[in-house]
Amino acid sequence: QSVSVLFLDDGLSYLTPLDEVPKGQTDLSKLLKSLPLYDVNDVYYVESAAQSLPLESVLECQPISVRAVGDLVTAATHVVTF
């Protein structure tokens, strides 16, 4: 199956590299960096939120427009949200 991941709103914070992981929390950037190992290569973020992304992101991802989000969801067989 083809898998795509979309980051938007509060989820964009996962793409920001952390200098130091807060005590008691897990560094999710390591998990995100492993997505290509599972053939998850289509990673997107909502373009209108691009100003929120740092120049250096934890993961290589492509911007898409808000309109394209609807198309991405419509084309999907299954949609899981977190």
C-alpha atoms as a PDB file:
ATOM      1  CA  GLN A   1       0.000   0.000   0.000  1.00  0.00           C
ATOM      2  CA  SER A   2       1.069   3.543  -0.663  1.00  0.00           C
ATOM      3  CA  VAL A   3       1.241   5.684   2.480  1.00  0.00           C
ATOM      4  CA  SER A   4       1.296   9.480   2.704  1.00  0.00           C
ATOM      5  CA  VAL A   5       1.800  11.551   5.847  1.00  0.00           C
ATOM      6  CA  LEU A   6       0.444  15.082   6.248  1.00  0.00           C
ATOM      7  CA  PHE A   7       1.457  17.518   8.983  1.00  0.00           C
ATOM      8  CA  LEU A   8      -0.761  20.491   9.758  1.00  0.00           C
ATOM      9  CA  ASP A   9      -1.670  22.819  12.604  1.00  0.00           C
ATOM     10  CA  ASP A  10      -0.081  21.630  15.880  1.00  0.00           C
ATOM     11  CA  GLY A  11       1.495  18.669  14.086  1.00  0.00           C
ATOM     12  CA  LEU A  12       3.990  21.020  12.438  1.00  0.00           C
ATOM     13  CA  SER A  13       5.826  21.193  15.755  1.00  0.00           C
ATOM     14  CA  TYR A  14       6.992  17.598  15.171  1.00  0.00           C
ATOM     15  CA  LEU A  15       9.001  18.825  12.176  1.00  0.00           C
ATOM     16  CA  THR A  16      10.972  21.300  14.280  1.00  0.00           C
ATOM     17  CA  PRO A  17      14.332  19.975  15.464  1.00  0.00           C
ATOM     18  CA  LEU A  18      14.688  20.089  19.256  1.00  0.00           C
ATOM     19  CA  ASP A  19      17.913  21.236  20.862  1.00  0.00           C
ATOM     20  CA  GLU A  20      17.017  19.303  23.974  1.00  0.00           C
ATOM     21  CA  VAL A  21      14.177  16.843  24.563  1.00  0.00           C
ATOM     22  CA  PRO A  22      12.071  17.836  27.598  1.00  0.00           C
ATOM     23  CA  LYS A  23      12.553  15.545  30.563  1.00  0.00           C
ATOM     24  CA  GLY A  24      10.137  12.627  30.525  1.00  0.00           C
ATOM     25  CA  GLN A  25       9.399  12.910  26.798  1.00  0.00           C
ATOM     26  CA  THR A  26      10.554  10.843  23.851  1.00  0.00           C
ATOM     27  CA  ASP A  27      12.401  12.367  20.891  1.00  0.00           C
ATOM     28  CA  LEU A  28       9.936  11.677  18.073  1.00  0.00           C
ATOM     29  CA  SER A  29      12.338  13.019  15.442  1.00  0.00           C
ATOM     30  CA  LYS A  30      14.149   9.659  15.504  1.00  0.00           C
ATOM     31  CA  LEU A  31      10.890   7.885  14.751  1.00  0.00           C
ATOM     32  CA  LEU A  32      10.018  10.310  11.951  1.00  0.00           C
ATOM     33  CA  LYS A  33      13.445   9.878  10.366  1.00  0.00           C
ATOM     34  CA  SER A  34      12.718   6.149  10.083  1.00  0.00           C
ATOM     35  CA  LEU A  35       9.646   6.629   7.848  1.00  0.00           C
ATOM     36  CA  PRO A  36      11.623   6.044   4.615  1.00  0.00           C
ATOM     37  CA  LEU A  37      12.684   2.652   5.989  1.00  0.00           C
ATOM     38  CA  TYR A  38       8.994   1.712   5.835  1.00  0.00           C
ATOM     39  CA  ASP A  39       8.632   3.074   2.275  1.00  0.00           C
ATOM     40  CA  VAL A  40       6.835   6.190   3.513  1.00  0.00           C
ATOM     41  CA  ASN A  41       8.270   8.771   1.157  1.00  0.00           C
ATOM     42  CA  ASP A  42       5.274  11.035   0.551  1.00  0.00           C
ATOM     43  CA  VAL A  43       5.390  13.465   3.459  1.00  0.00           C
ATOM     44  CA  TYR A  44       3.605  16.818   3.213  1.00  0.00           C
ATOM     45  CA  TYR A  45       2.833  19.918   5.236  1.00  0.00           C
ATOM     46  CA  VAL A  46       0.179  22.554   4.585  1.00  0.00           C
ATOM     47  CA  GLU A  47       1.757  25.365   2.582  1.00  0.00           C
ATOM     48  CA  SER A  48      -0.100  28.169   4.370  1.00  0.00           C
ATOM     49  CA  ALA A  49       1.737  27.118   7.526  1.00  0.00           C
ATOM     50  CA  ALA A  50       5.138  27.211   5.817  1.00  0.00           C
ATOM     51  CA  GLN A  51       6.234  30.247   7.791  1.00  0.00           C
ATOM     52  CA  SER A  52       5.980  28.049  10.898  1.00  0.00           C
ATOM     53  CA  LEU A  53       8.556  25.567   9.607  1.00  0.00           C
ATOM     54  CA  PRO A  54      12.210  26.090  10.362  1.00  0.00           C
ATOM     55  CA  LEU A  55      14.656  26.165   7.474  1.00  0.00           C
ATOM     56  CA  GLU A  56      16.027  22.848   8.680  1.00  0.00           C
ATOM     57  CA  SER A  57      13.302  20.293   9.267  1.00  0.00           C
ATOM     58  CA  VAL A  58      13.542  16.911  11.006  1.00  0.00           C
ATOM     59  CA  LEU A  59      12.160  15.263   7.873  1.00  0.00           C
ATOM     60  CA  GLU A  60      12.207  16.077   4.173  1.00  0.00           C
ATOM     61  CA  CYS A  61       8.677  17.058   3.251  1.00  0.00           C
ATOM     62  CA  GLN A  62       6.831  18.855   0.481  1.00  0.00           C
ATOM     63  CA  PRO A  63       4.448  21.787   0.870  1.00  0.00           C
ATOM     64  CA  ILE A  64       0.886  21.408  -0.404  1.00  0.00           C
ATOM     65  CA  SER A  65      -1.974  23.881  -0.543  1.00  0.00           C
ATOM     66  CA  VAL A  66      -5.066  23.677   1.635  1.00  0.00           C
ATOM     67  CA  ARG A  67      -7.036  22.699  -1.486  1.00  0.00           C
ATOM     68  CA  ALA A  68      -4.615  19.844  -2.207  1.00  0.00           C
ATOM     69  CA  VAL A  69      -5.223  18.476   1.295  1.00  0.00           C
ATOM     70  CA  GLY A  70      -8.817  17.759   0.309  1.00  0.00           C
ATOM     71  CA  ASP A  71      -7.652  16.026  -2.858  1.00  0.00           C
ATOM     72  CA  LEU A  72      -5.132  13.949  -0.889  1.00  0.00           C
ATOM     73  CA  VAL A  73      -7.779  12.842   1.601  1.00  0.00           C
ATOM     74  CA  THR A  74     -10.333  12.120  -1.129  1.00  0.00           C
ATOM     75  CA  ALA A  75      -7.842   9.936  -3.009  1.00  0.00           C
ATOM     76  CA  ALA A  76      -7.013   7.903   0.108  1.00  0.00           C
ATOM     77  CA  THR A  77      -8.596   4.555   0.835  1.00  0.00           C
ATOM     78  CA  HIS A  78      -8.031   4.957   4.589  1.00  0.00           C
ATOM     79  CA  VAL A  79      -7.400   8.100   6.623  1.00  0.00           C
ATOM     80  CA  VAL A  80      -5.978   7.996  10.143  1.00  0.00           C
ATOM     81  CA  THR A  81      -5.659  11.178  12.210  1.00  0.00           C
ATOM     82  CA  PHE A  82      -3.693  11.900  15.372  1.00  0.00           C
END
